[in-house]
Amino acid sequence: MLIQYGQALNAYLYDVFVAKFDFWLAFGLVAQLLFTARFLVQWISSERAGQSVVPIAFWFFSMGGGLMTLVYGIAKREPVIILSQALATIIYVRNIILIVRNRGQASKTVDR
């Protein structure tokens, strides 16, 4: 019985990761890697600062990974991915806009 489960798991993993490997699977995996990189960037930045911080790189990785995952969802016709990433990407872009705007205002304050 245990051998059957092992064989079934092996067949499943082969089907998912080998037999179905194509451009879109590779694209989706890269998108997820970018998305995951944002957590590493945030973690490293927080450890260096000794407190929780969210660097701008976090938002750029979020936007890049989110946009790529959105494209993947559209190509694969996955409504859950399309809806979640479309809304999330708007938030990522908005945060980048706010950060850039606030940095511009901070430099104006320093120059005066």
PDB file of N, CA and C in Angstrom:
ATOM      1  N   MET A   1       0.820  -1.194   0.000  1.00  0.00           N
ATOM      2  CA  MET A   1       0.000   0.000   0.000  1.00  0.00           C
ATOM      3  C   MET A   1       0.868   1.264   0.000  1.00  0.00           C
ATOM      4  N   LEU A   2       1.901   1.291   0.812  1.00  0.00           N
ATOM      5  CA  LEU A   2       2.793   2.437   0.867  1.00  0.00           C
ATOM      6  C   LEU A   2       3.519   2.618  -0.464  1.00  0.00           C
ATOM      7  N   ILE A   3       3.861   1.514  -1.105  1.00  0.00           N
ATOM      8  CA  ILE A   3       4.528   1.582  -2.409  1.00  0.00           C
ATOM      9  C   ILE A   3       3.591   2.185  -3.446  1.00  0.00           C
ATOM     10  N   GLN A   4       2.315   1.848  -3.380  1.00  0.00           N
ATOM     11  CA  GLN A   4       1.345   2.418  -4.318  1.00  0.00           C
ATOM     12  C   GLN A   4       1.226   3.927  -4.147  1.00  0.00           C
ATOM     13  N   TYR A   5       1.217   4.386  -2.904  1.00  0.00           N
ATOM     14  CA  TYR A   5       1.160   5.832  -2.650  1.00  0.00           C
ATOM     15  C   TYR A   5       2.408   6.522  -3.188  1.00  0.00           C
ATOM     16  N   GLY A   6       3.557   5.904  -2.988  1.00  0.00           N
ATOM     17  CA  GLY A   6       4.801   6.454  -3.506  1.00  0.00           C
ATOM     18  C   GLY A   6       4.797   6.525  -5.024  1.00  0.00           C
ATOM     19  N   GLN A   7       4.292   5.485  -5.665  1.00  0.00           N
ATOM     20  CA  GLN A   7       4.213   5.474  -7.121  1.00  0.00           C
ATOM     21  C   GLN A   7       3.222   6.520  -7.625  1.00  0.00           C
ATOM     22  N   ALA A   8       2.102   6.656  -6.927  1.00  0.00           N
ATOM     23  CA  ALA A   8       1.099   7.652  -7.322  1.00  0.00           C
ATOM     24  C   ALA A   8       1.667   9.064  -7.167  1.00  0.00           C
ATOM     25  N   LEU A   9       2.392   9.302  -6.080  1.00  0.00           N
ATOM     26  CA  LEU A   9       3.019  10.607  -5.868  1.00  0.00           C
ATOM     27  C   LEU A   9       4.062  10.883  -6.951  1.00  0.00           C
ATOM     28  N   ASN A  10       4.862   9.879  -7.274  1.00  0.00           N
ATOM     29  CA  ASN A  10       5.873  10.017  -8.319  1.00  0.00           C
ATOM     30  C   ASN A  10       5.217  10.339  -9.663  1.00  0.00           C
ATOM     31  N   ALA A  11       4.132   9.657  -9.986  1.00  0.00           N
ATOM     32  CA  ALA A  11       3.425   9.910 -11.250  1.00  0.00           C
ATOM     33  C   ALA A  11       2.840  11.319 -11.269  1.00  0.00           C
ATOM     34  N   TYR A  12       2.303  11.748 -10.143  1.00  0.00           N
ATOM     35  CA  TYR A  12       1.731  13.093 -10.042  1.00  0.00           C
ATOM     36  C   TYR A  12       2.810  14.150 -10.248  1.00  0.00           C
ATOM     37  N   LEU A  13       3.913  14.031  -9.528  1.00  0.00           N
ATOM     38  CA  LEU A  13       4.992  15.008  -9.636  1.00  0.00           C
ATOM     39  C   LEU A  13       5.582  15.034 -11.038  1.00  0.00           C
ATOM     40  N   TYR A  14       5.721  13.868 -11.661  1.00  0.00           N
ATOM     41  CA  TYR A  14       6.217  13.817 -13.032  1.00  0.00           C
ATOM     42  C   TYR A  14       5.258  14.546 -13.968  1.00  0.00           C
ATOM     43  N   ASP A  15       3.960  14.280 -13.809  1.00  0.00           N
ATOM     44  CA  ASP A  15       2.957  14.912 -14.671  1.00  0.00           C
ATOM     45  C   ASP A  15       2.958  16.426 -14.508  1.00  0.00           C
ATOM     46  N   VAL A  16       3.033  16.896 -13.285  1.00  0.00           N
ATOM     47  CA  VAL A  16       2.951  18.331 -13.016  1.00  0.00           C
ATOM     48  C   VAL A  16       4.219  19.077 -13.410  1.00  0.00           C
ATOM     49  N   PHE A  17       5.390  18.529 -13.076  1.00  0.00           N
ATOM     50  CA  PHE A  17       6.633  19.282 -13.252  1.00  0.00           C
ATOM     51  C   PHE A  17       7.456  18.900 -14.483  1.00  0.00           C
ATOM     52  N   VAL A  18       7.219  17.738 -15.068  1.00  0.00           N
ATOM     53  CA  VAL A  18       8.026  17.312 -16.212  1.00  0.00           C
ATOM     54  C   VAL A  18       7.188  17.236 -17.484  1.00  0.00           C
ATOM     55  N   ALA A  19       6.122  16.464 -17.451  1.00  0.00           N
ATOM     56  CA  ALA A  19       5.311  16.252 -18.657  1.00  0.00           C
ATOM     57  C   ALA A  19       4.654  17.544 -19.134  1.00  0.00           C
ATOM     58  N   LYS A  20       4.283  18.407 -18.214  1.00  0.00           N
ATOM     59  CA  LYS A  20       3.599  19.649 -18.579  1.00  0.00           C
ATOM     60  C   LYS A  20       4.535  20.848 -18.653  1.00  0.00           C
ATOM     61  N   PHE A  21       5.837  20.611 -18.622  1.00  0.00           N
ATOM     62  CA  PHE A  21       6.785  21.722 -18.650  1.00  0.00           C
ATOM     63  C   PHE A  21       6.747  22.398 -20.017  1.00  0.00           C
ATOM     64  N   ASP A  22       6.514  23.698 -19.993  1.00  0.00           N
ATOM     65  CA  ASP A  22       6.507  24.495 -21.213  1.00  0.00           C
ATOM     66  C   ASP A  22       6.925  25.915 -20.856  1.00  0.00           C
ATOM     67  N   PHE A  23       6.858  26.806 -21.824  1.00  0.00           N
ATOM     68  CA  PHE A  23       7.241  28.200 -21.605  1.00  0.00           C
ATOM     69  C   PHE A  23       6.463  28.814 -20.451  1.00  0.00           C
ATOM     70  N   TRP A  24       5.146  28.596 -20.406  1.00  0.00           N
ATOM     71  CA  TRP A  24       4.316  29.246 -19.396  1.00  0.00           C
ATOM     72  C   TRP A  24       4.604  28.733 -17.996  1.00  0.00           C
ATOM     73  N   LEU A  25       4.947  27.457 -17.876  1.00  0.00           N
ATOM     74  CA  LEU A  25       5.316  26.941 -16.565  1.00  0.00           C
ATOM     75  C   LEU A  25       6.623  27.596 -16.103  1.00  0.00           C
ATOM     76  N   ALA A  26       7.593  27.699 -17.002  1.00  0.00           N
ATOM     77  CA  ALA A  26       8.854  28.362 -16.664  1.00  0.00           C
ATOM     78  C   ALA A  26       8.606  29.831 -16.312  1.00  0.00           C
ATOM     79  N   PHE A  27       7.764  30.512 -17.087  1.00  0.00           N
ATOM     80  CA  PHE A  27       7.422  31.914 -16.834  1.00  0.00           C
ATOM     81  C   PHE A  27       6.772  32.053 -15.457  1.00  0.00           C
ATOM     82  N   GLY A  28       5.832  31.191 -15.152  1.00  0.00           N
ATOM     83  CA  GLY A  28       5.152  31.232 -13.856  1.00  0.00           C
ATOM     84  C   GLY A  28       6.096  30.969 -12.696  1.00  0.00           C
ATOM     85  N   LEU A  29       7.036  30.057 -12.883  1.00  0.00           N
ATOM     86  CA  LEU A  29       8.008  29.778 -11.827  1.00  0.00           C
ATOM     87  C   LEU A  29       8.929  30.973 -11.594  1.00  0.00           C
ATOM     88  N   VAL A  30       9.356  31.639 -12.657  1.00  0.00           N
ATOM     89  CA  VAL A  30      10.185  32.838 -12.516  1.00  0.00           C
ATOM     90  C   VAL A  30       9.393  33.937 -11.810  1.00  0.00           C
ATOM     91  N   ALA A  31       8.115  34.072 -12.165  1.00  0.00           N
ATOM     92  CA  ALA A  31       7.257  35.067 -11.514  1.00  0.00           C
ATOM     93  C   ALA A  31       7.180  34.802 -10.010  1.00  0.00           C
ATOM     94  N   GLN A  32       7.009  33.551  -9.632  1.00  0.00           N
ATOM     95  CA  GLN A  32       6.936  33.210  -8.214  1.00  0.00           C
ATOM     96  C   GLN A  32       8.274  33.435  -7.520  1.00  0.00           C
ATOM     97  N   LEU A  33       9.374  33.187  -8.220  1.00  0.00           N
ATOM     98  CA  LEU A  33      10.686  33.452  -7.626  1.00  0.00           C
ATOM     99  C   LEU A  33      10.873  34.943  -7.350  1.00  0.00           C
ATOM    100  N   LEU A  34      10.461  35.788  -8.294  1.00  0.00           N
ATOM    101  CA  LEU A  34      10.530  37.242  -8.078  1.00  0.00           C
ATOM    102  C   LEU A  34       9.668  37.638  -6.887  1.00  0.00           C
ATOM    103  N   PHE A  35       8.477  37.072  -6.835  1.00  0.00           N
ATOM    104  CA  PHE A  35       7.550  37.394  -5.766  1.00  0.00           C
ATOM    105  C   PHE A  35       8.121  36.964  -4.414  1.00  0.00           C
ATOM    106  N   THR A  36       8.765  35.809  -4.387  1.00  0.00           N
ATOM    107  CA  THR A  36       9.368  35.309  -3.151  1.00  0.00           C
ATOM    108  C   THR A  36      10.581  36.138  -2.751  1.00  0.00           C
ATOM    109  N   ALA A  37      11.315  36.659  -3.731  1.00  0.00           N
ATOM    110  CA  ALA A  37      12.504  37.465  -3.447  1.00  0.00           C
ATOM    111  C   ALA A  37      12.159  38.687  -2.606  1.00  0.00           C
ATOM    112  N   ARG A  38      10.942  39.191  -2.743  1.00  0.00           N
ATOM    113  CA  ARG A  38      10.568  40.378  -1.972  1.00  0.00           C
ATOM    114  C   ARG A  38      10.603  40.099  -0.470  1.00  0.00           C
ATOM    115  N   PHE A  39      10.239  38.881  -0.072  1.00  0.00           N
ATOM    116  CA  PHE A  39      10.283  38.537   1.349  1.00  0.00           C
ATOM    117  C   PHE A  39      11.718  38.466   1.843  1.00  0.00           C
ATOM    118  N   LEU A  40      12.618  37.943   1.018  1.00  0.00           N
ATOM    119  CA  LEU A  40      14.022  37.897   1.405  1.00  0.00           C
ATOM    120  C   LEU A  40      14.595  39.298   1.546  1.00  0.00           C
ATOM    121  N   VAL A  41      14.271  40.182   0.619  1.00  0.00           N
ATOM    122  CA  VAL A  41      14.744  41.569   0.668  1.00  0.00           C
ATOM    123  C   VAL A  41      14.230  42.241   1.933  1.00  0.00           C
ATOM    124  N   GLN A  42      12.973  42.055   2.244  1.00  0.00           N
ATOM    125  CA  GLN A  42      12.384  42.681   3.431  1.00  0.00           C
ATOM    126  C   GLN A  42      13.010  42.113   4.703  1.00  0.00           C
ATOM    127  N   TRP A  43      13.212  40.821   4.743  1.00  0.00           N
ATOM    128  CA  TRP A  43      13.788  40.164   5.913  1.00  0.00           C
ATOM    129  C   TRP A  43      15.216  40.654   6.151  1.00  0.00           C
ATOM    130  N   ILE A  44      16.028  40.672   5.105  1.00  0.00           N
ATOM    131  CA  ILE A  44      17.419  41.121   5.233  1.00  0.00           C
ATOM    132  C   ILE A  44      17.479  42.585   5.661  1.00  0.00           C
ATOM    133  N   SER A  45      16.644  43.421   5.050  1.00  0.00           N
ATOM    134  CA  SER A  45      16.623  44.845   5.415  1.00  0.00           C
ATOM    135  C   SER A  45      16.220  45.033   6.873  1.00  0.00           C
ATOM    136  N   SER A  46      15.239  44.281   7.320  1.00  0.00           N
ATOM    137  CA  SER A  46      14.788  44.388   8.713  1.00  0.00           C
ATOM    138  C   SER A  46      15.855  43.916   9.682  1.00  0.00           C
ATOM    139  N   GLU A  47      16.537  42.831   9.337  1.00  0.00           N
ATOM    140  CA  GLU A  47      17.603  42.330  10.213  1.00  0.00           C
ATOM    141  C   GLU A  47      18.727  43.354  10.321  1.00  0.00           C
ATOM    142  N   ARG A  48      19.094  43.974   9.213  1.00  0.00           N
ATOM    143  CA  ARG A  48      20.169  44.983   9.233  1.00  0.00           C
ATOM    144  C   ARG A  48      19.771  46.204  10.050  1.00  0.00           C
ATOM    145  N   ALA A  49      18.500  46.596   9.947  1.00  0.00           N
ATOM    146  CA  ALA A  49      18.026  47.788  10.666  1.00  0.00           C
ATOM    147  C   ALA A  49      17.688  47.490  12.124  1.00  0.00           C
ATOM    148  N   GLY A  50      17.497  46.223  12.445  1.00  0.00           N
ATOM    149  CA  GLY A  50      17.122  45.867  13.805  1.00  0.00           C
ATOM    150  C   GLY A  50      15.662  46.164  14.113  1.00  0.00           C
ATOM    151  N   GLN A  51      14.887  46.432  13.086  1.00  0.00           N
ATOM    152  CA  GLN A  51      13.453  46.678  13.219  1.00  0.00           C
ATOM    153  C   GLN A  51      12.779  46.339  11.894  1.00  0.00           C
ATOM    154  N   SER A  52      11.482  46.238  11.909  1.00  0.00           N
ATOM    155  CA  SER A  52      10.755  45.900  10.685  1.00  0.00           C
ATOM    156  C   SER A  52      10.747  47.095   9.734  1.00  0.00           C
ATOM    157  N   VAL A  53      11.282  46.902   8.544  1.00  0.00           N
ATOM    158  CA  VAL A  53      11.281  47.935   7.513  1.00  0.00           C
ATOM    159  C   VAL A  53      10.824  47.307   6.193  1.00  0.00           C
ATOM    160  N   VAL A  54      10.283  48.144   5.333  1.00  0.00           N
ATOM    161  CA  VAL A  54       9.864  47.701   4.013  1.00  0.00           C
ATOM    162  C   VAL A  54      10.591  48.569   2.985  1.00  0.00           C
ATOM    163  N   PRO A  55      11.683  48.047   2.422  1.00  0.00           N
ATOM    164  CA  PRO A  55      12.455  48.835   1.460  1.00  0.00           C
ATOM    165  C   PRO A  55      11.714  48.952   0.126  1.00  0.00           C
ATOM    166  N   ILE A  56      12.074  49.937  -0.688  1.00  0.00           N
ATOM    167  CA  ILE A  56      11.429  50.129  -1.978  1.00  0.00           C
ATOM    168  C   ILE A  56      11.633  48.909  -2.874  1.00  0.00           C
ATOM    169  N   ALA A  57      12.744  48.199  -2.709  1.00  0.00           N
ATOM    170  CA  ALA A  57      12.979  46.988  -3.509  1.00  0.00           C
ATOM    171  C   ALA A  57      11.862  45.961  -3.287  1.00  0.00           C
ATOM    172  N   PHE A  58      11.304  45.927  -2.071  1.00  0.00           N
ATOM    173  CA  PHE A  58      10.184  45.028  -1.783  1.00  0.00           C
ATOM    174  C   PHE A  58       9.030  45.305  -2.742  1.00  0.00           C
ATOM    175  N   TRP A  59       8.737  46.583  -2.955  1.00  0.00           N
ATOM    176  CA  TRP A  59       7.610  46.946  -3.814  1.00  0.00           C
ATOM    177  C   TRP A  59       7.919  46.686  -5.282  1.00  0.00           C
ATOM    178  N   PHE A  60       9.182  46.869  -5.680  1.00  0.00           N
ATOM    179  CA  PHE A  60       9.535  46.571  -7.071  1.00  0.00           C
ATOM    180  C   PHE A  60       9.471  45.070  -7.348  1.00  0.00           C
ATOM    181  N   PHE A  61       9.949  44.260  -6.408  1.00  0.00           N
ATOM    182  CA  PHE A  61       9.809  42.809  -6.569  1.00  0.00           C
ATOM    183  C   PHE A  61       8.338  42.405  -6.552  1.00  0.00           C
ATOM    184  N   SER A  62       7.546  43.055  -5.691  1.00  0.00           N
ATOM    185  CA  SER A  62       6.106  42.772  -5.649  1.00  0.00           C
ATOM    186  C   SER A  62       5.460  43.095  -6.991  1.00  0.00           C
ATOM    187  N   MET A  63       5.780  44.266  -7.533  1.00  0.00           N
ATOM    188  CA  MET A  63       5.197  44.684  -8.808  1.00  0.00           C
ATOM    189  C   MET A  63       5.647  43.756  -9.940  1.00  0.00           C
ATOM    190  N   GLY A  64       6.937  43.458 -10.004  1.00  0.00           N
ATOM    191  CA  GLY A  64       7.442  42.587 -11.067  1.00  0.00           C
ATOM    192  C   GLY A  64       6.854  41.195 -10.986  1.00  0.00           C
ATOM    193  N   GLY A  65       6.897  40.602  -9.810  1.00  0.00           N
ATOM    194  CA  GLY A  65       6.332  39.265  -9.631  1.00  0.00           C
ATOM    195  C   GLY A  65       4.833  39.259  -9.832  1.00  0.00           C
ATOM    196  N   GLY A  66       4.157  40.310  -9.356  1.00  0.00           N
ATOM    197  CA  GLY A  66       2.701  40.405  -9.512  1.00  0.00           C
ATOM    198  C   GLY A  66       2.285  40.543 -10.968  1.00  0.00           C
ATOM    199  N   LEU A  67       2.994  41.402 -11.712  1.00  0.00           N
ATOM    200  CA  LEU A  67       2.680  41.574 -13.136  1.00  0.00           C
ATOM    201  C   LEU A  67       2.940  40.296 -13.922  1.00  0.00           C
ATOM    202  N   MET A  68       4.062  39.633 -13.617  1.00  0.00           N
ATOM    203  CA  MET A  68       4.354  38.384 -14.318  1.00  0.00           C
ATOM    204  C   MET A  68       3.328  37.307 -13.973  1.00  0.00           C
ATOM    205  N   THR A  69       2.916  37.247 -12.720  1.00  0.00           N
ATOM    206  CA  THR A  69       1.900  36.275 -12.326  1.00  0.00           C
ATOM    207  C   THR A  69       0.564  36.614 -12.965  1.00  0.00           C
ATOM    208  N   LEU A  70       0.260  37.904 -13.116  1.00  0.00           N
ATOM    209  CA  LEU A  70      -0.960  38.322 -13.814  1.00  0.00           C
ATOM    210  C   LEU A  70      -0.927  37.868 -15.275  1.00  0.00           C
ATOM    211  N   VAL A  71       0.192  38.080 -15.949  1.00  0.00           N
ATOM    212  CA  VAL A  71       0.329  37.640 -17.339  1.00  0.00           C
ATOM    213  C   VAL A  71       0.165  36.120 -17.423  1.00  0.00           C
ATOM    214  N   TYR A  72       0.766  35.406 -16.489  1.00  0.00           N
ATOM    215  CA  TYR A  72       0.631  33.946 -16.429  1.00  0.00           C
ATOM    216  C   TYR A  72      -0.839  33.545 -16.263  1.00  0.00           C
ATOM    217  N   GLY A  73      -1.530  34.209 -15.342  1.00  0.00           N
ATOM    218  CA  GLY A  73      -2.944  33.908 -15.112  1.00  0.00           C
ATOM    219  C   GLY A  73      -3.797  34.170 -16.340  1.00  0.00           C
ATOM    220  N   ILE A  74      -3.491  35.256 -17.053  1.00  0.00           N
ATOM    221  CA  ILE A  74      -4.233  35.567 -18.278  1.00  0.00           C
ATOM    222  C   ILE A  74      -3.967  34.506 -19.335  1.00  0.00           C
ATOM    223  N   ALA A  75      -2.689  34.130 -19.486  1.00  0.00           N
ATOM    224  CA  ALA A  75      -2.329  33.122 -20.496  1.00  0.00           C
ATOM    225  C   ALA A  75      -2.950  31.770 -20.179  1.00  0.00           C
ATOM    226  N   LYS A  76      -3.023  31.431 -18.905  1.00  0.00           N
ATOM    227  CA  LYS A  76      -3.578  30.135 -18.488  1.00  0.00           C
ATOM    228  C   LYS A  76      -5.089  30.195 -18.230  1.00  0.00           C
ATOM    229  N   ARG A  77      -5.667  31.395 -18.370  1.00  0.00           N
ATOM    230  CA  ARG A  77      -7.109  31.595 -18.155  1.00  0.00           C
ATOM    231  C   ARG A  77      -7.543  31.165 -16.757  1.00  0.00           C
ATOM    232  N   GLU A  78      -6.818  31.670 -15.764  1.00  0.00           N
ATOM    233  CA  GLU A  78      -7.088  31.358 -14.361  1.00  0.00           C
ATOM    234  C   GLU A  78      -7.727  32.578 -13.695  1.00  0.00           C
ATOM    235  N   PRO A  79      -9.053  32.594 -13.530  1.00  0.00           N
ATOM    236  CA  PRO A  79      -9.730  33.779 -12.996  1.00  0.00           C
ATOM    237  C   PRO A  79      -9.290  34.169 -11.588  1.00  0.00           C
ATOM    238  N   VAL A  80      -8.961  33.212 -10.736  1.00  0.00           N
ATOM    239  CA  VAL A  80      -8.543  33.536  -9.378  1.00  0.00           C
ATOM    240  C   VAL A  80      -7.224  34.306  -9.411  1.00  0.00           C
ATOM    241  N   ILE A  81      -6.285  33.847 -10.217  1.00  0.00           N
ATOM    242  CA  ILE A  81      -4.997  34.536 -10.334  1.00  0.00           C
ATOM    243  C   ILE A  81      -5.189  35.913 -10.963  1.00  0.00           C
ATOM    244  N   ILE A  82      -5.999  35.991 -12.011  1.00  0.00           N
ATOM    245  CA  ILE A  82      -6.225  37.266 -12.695  1.00  0.00           C
ATOM    246  C   ILE A  82      -6.784  38.304 -11.733  1.00  0.00           C
ATOM    247  N   LEU A  83      -7.830  37.955 -11.017  1.00  0.00           N
ATOM    248  CA  LEU A  83      -8.452  38.919 -10.099  1.00  0.00           C
ATOM    249  C   LEU A  83      -7.522  39.313  -8.964  1.00  0.00           C
ATOM    250  N   SER A  84      -6.883  38.339  -8.344  1.00  0.00           N
ATOM    251  CA  SER A  84      -6.042  38.671  -7.188  1.00  0.00           C
ATOM    252  C   SER A  84      -4.825  39.484  -7.597  1.00  0.00           C
ATOM    253  N   GLN A  85      -4.173  39.126  -8.687  1.00  0.00           N
ATOM    254  CA  GLN A  85      -2.970  39.844  -9.085  1.00  0.00           C
ATOM    255  C   GLN A  85      -3.267  41.202  -9.708  1.00  0.00           C
ATOM    256  N   ALA A  86      -4.391  41.325 -10.385  1.00  0.00           N
ATOM    257  CA  ALA A  86      -4.752  42.629 -10.948  1.00  0.00           C
ATOM    258  C   ALA A  86      -4.956  43.645  -9.826  1.00  0.00           C
ATOM    259  N   LEU A  87      -5.665  43.248  -8.787  1.00  0.00           N
ATOM    260  CA  LEU A  87      -5.905  44.155  -7.662  1.00  0.00           C
ATOM    261  C   LEU A  87      -4.626  44.411  -6.866  1.00  0.00           C
ATOM    262  N   ALA A  88      -3.850  43.354  -6.635  1.00  0.00           N
ATOM    263  CA  ALA A  88      -2.617  43.511  -5.863  1.00  0.00           C
ATOM    264  C   ALA A  88      -1.616  44.405  -6.585  1.00  0.00           C
ATOM    265  N   THR A  89      -1.522  44.261  -7.899  1.00  0.00           N
ATOM    266  CA  THR A  89      -0.566  45.061  -8.664  1.00  0.00           C
ATOM    267  C   THR A  89      -0.891  46.545  -8.572  1.00  0.00           C
ATOM    268  N   ILE A  90      -2.168  46.885  -8.530  1.00  0.00           N
ATOM    269  CA  ILE A  90      -2.570  48.286  -8.346  1.00  0.00           C
ATOM    270  C   ILE A  90      -2.018  48.812  -7.023  1.00  0.00           C
ATOM    271  N   ILE A  91      -2.084  48.008  -5.984  1.00  0.00           N
ATOM    272  CA  ILE A  91      -1.580  48.408  -4.670  1.00  0.00           C
ATOM    273  C   ILE A  91      -0.069  48.578  -4.705  1.00  0.00           C
ATOM    274  N   TYR A  92       0.631  47.664  -5.385  1.00  0.00           N
ATOM    275  CA  TYR A  92       2.095  47.762  -5.466  1.00  0.00           C
ATOM    276  C   TYR A  92       2.511  49.041  -6.193  1.00  0.00           C
ATOM    277  N   VAL A  93       1.866  49.307  -7.315  1.00  0.00           N
ATOM    278  CA  VAL A  93       2.185  50.510  -8.089  1.00  0.00           C
ATOM    279  C   VAL A  93       1.894  51.756  -7.261  1.00  0.00           C
ATOM    280  N   ARG A  94       0.773  51.762  -6.562  1.00  0.00           N
ATOM    281  CA  ARG A  94       0.407  52.919  -5.743  1.00  0.00           C
ATOM    282  C   ARG A  94       1.437  53.157  -4.643  1.00  0.00           C
ATOM    283  N   ASN A  95       1.915  52.110  -4.010  1.00  0.00           N
ATOM    284  CA  ASN A  95       2.935  52.271  -2.971  1.00  0.00           C
ATOM    285  C   ASN A  95       4.224  52.841  -3.544  1.00  0.00           C
ATOM    286  N   ILE A  96       4.617  52.393  -4.725  1.00  0.00           N
ATOM    287  CA  ILE A  96       5.822  52.946  -5.359  1.00  0.00           C
ATOM    288  C   ILE A  96       5.625  54.425  -5.662  1.00  0.00           C
ATOM    289  N   ILE A  97       4.451  54.799  -6.167  1.00  0.00           N
ATOM    290  CA  ILE A  97       4.155  56.210  -6.448  1.00  0.00           C
ATOM    291  C   ILE A  97       4.254  57.038  -5.169  1.00  0.00           C
ATOM    292  N   LEU A  98       3.676  56.546  -4.080  1.00  0.00           N
ATOM    293  CA  LEU A  98       3.726  57.273  -2.808  1.00  0.00           C
ATOM    294  C   LEU A  98       5.164  57.417  -2.307  1.00  0.00           C
ATOM    295  N   ILE A  99       5.952  56.371  -2.432  1.00  0.00           N
ATOM    296  CA  ILE A  99       7.345  56.436  -1.972  1.00  0.00           C
ATOM    297  C   ILE A  99       8.128  57.453  -2.788  1.00  0.00           C
ATOM    298  N   VAL A 100       7.977  57.402  -4.114  1.00  0.00           N
ATOM    299  CA  VAL A 100       8.693  58.340  -4.980  1.00  0.00           C
ATOM    300  C   VAL A 100       8.243  59.767  -4.695  1.00  0.00           C
ATOM    301  N   ARG A 101       6.944  59.981  -4.543  1.00  0.00           N
ATOM    302  CA  ARG A 101       6.427  61.321  -4.251  1.00  0.00           C
ATOM    303  C   ARG A 101       6.960  61.833  -2.920  1.00  0.00           C
ATOM    304  N   ASN A 102       6.966  60.987  -1.901  1.00  0.00           N
ATOM    305  CA  ASN A 102       7.455  61.408  -0.583  1.00  0.00           C
ATOM    306  C   ASN A 102       8.953  61.661  -0.585  1.00  0.00           C
ATOM    307  N   ARG A 103       9.708  60.910  -1.351  1.00  0.00           N
ATOM    308  CA  ARG A 103      11.155  61.164  -1.456  1.00  0.00           C
ATOM    309  C   ARG A 103      11.399  62.497  -2.136  1.00  0.00           C
ATOM    310  N   GLY A 104      10.599  62.810  -3.144  1.00  0.00           N
ATOM    311  CA  GLY A 104      10.722  64.101  -3.822  1.00  0.00           C
ATOM    312  C   GLY A 104      10.416  65.256  -2.897  1.00  0.00           C
ATOM    313  N   GLN A 105       9.405  65.122  -2.048  1.00  0.00           N
ATOM    314  CA  GLN A 105       9.047  66.165  -1.093  1.00  0.00           C
ATOM    315  C   GLN A 105      10.115  66.292  -0.014  1.00  0.00           C
ATOM    316  N   ALA A 106      10.697  65.169   0.384  1.00  0.00           N
ATOM    317  CA  ALA A 106      11.747  65.199   1.425  1.00  0.00           C
ATOM    318  C   ALA A 106      12.974  65.932   0.901  1.00  0.00           C
ATOM    319  N   SER A 107      13.321  65.715  -0.381  1.00  0.00           N
ATOM    320  CA  SER A 107      14.490  66.404  -0.919  1.00  0.00           C
ATOM    321  C   SER A 107      14.223  67.896  -1.071  1.00  0.00           C
ATOM    322  N   LYS A 108      12.978  68.294  -1.350  1.00  0.00           N
ATOM    323  CA  LYS A 108      12.639  69.719  -1.431  1.00  0.00           C
ATOM    324  C   LYS A 108      12.774  70.365  -0.061  1.00  0.00           C
ATOM    325  N   THR A 109      12.383  69.646   0.983  1.00  0.00           N
ATOM    326  CA  THR A 109      12.476  70.166   2.332  1.00  0.00           C
ATOM    327  C   THR A 109      13.937  70.355   2.734  1.00  0.00           C
ATOM    328  N   VAL A 110      14.787  69.416   2.365  1.00  0.00           N
ATOM    329  CA  VAL A 110      16.211  69.501   2.704  1.00  0.00           C
ATOM    330  C   VAL A 110      16.869  70.644   1.959  1.00  0.00           C
ATOM    331  N   ASP A 111      16.472  70.877   0.707  1.00  0.00           N
ATOM    332  CA  ASP A 111      17.093  71.919  -0.117  1.00  0.00           C
ATOM    333  C   ASP A 111      16.761  73.323   0.407  1.00  0.00           C
ATOM    334  N   ARG A 112      15.673  73.503   1.078  1.00  0.00           N
ATOM    335  CA  ARG A 112      15.255  74.841   1.510  1.00  0.00           C
ATOM    336  C   ARG A 112      16.040  75.352   2.664  1.00  0.00           C
TER     337      ARG A 112
END
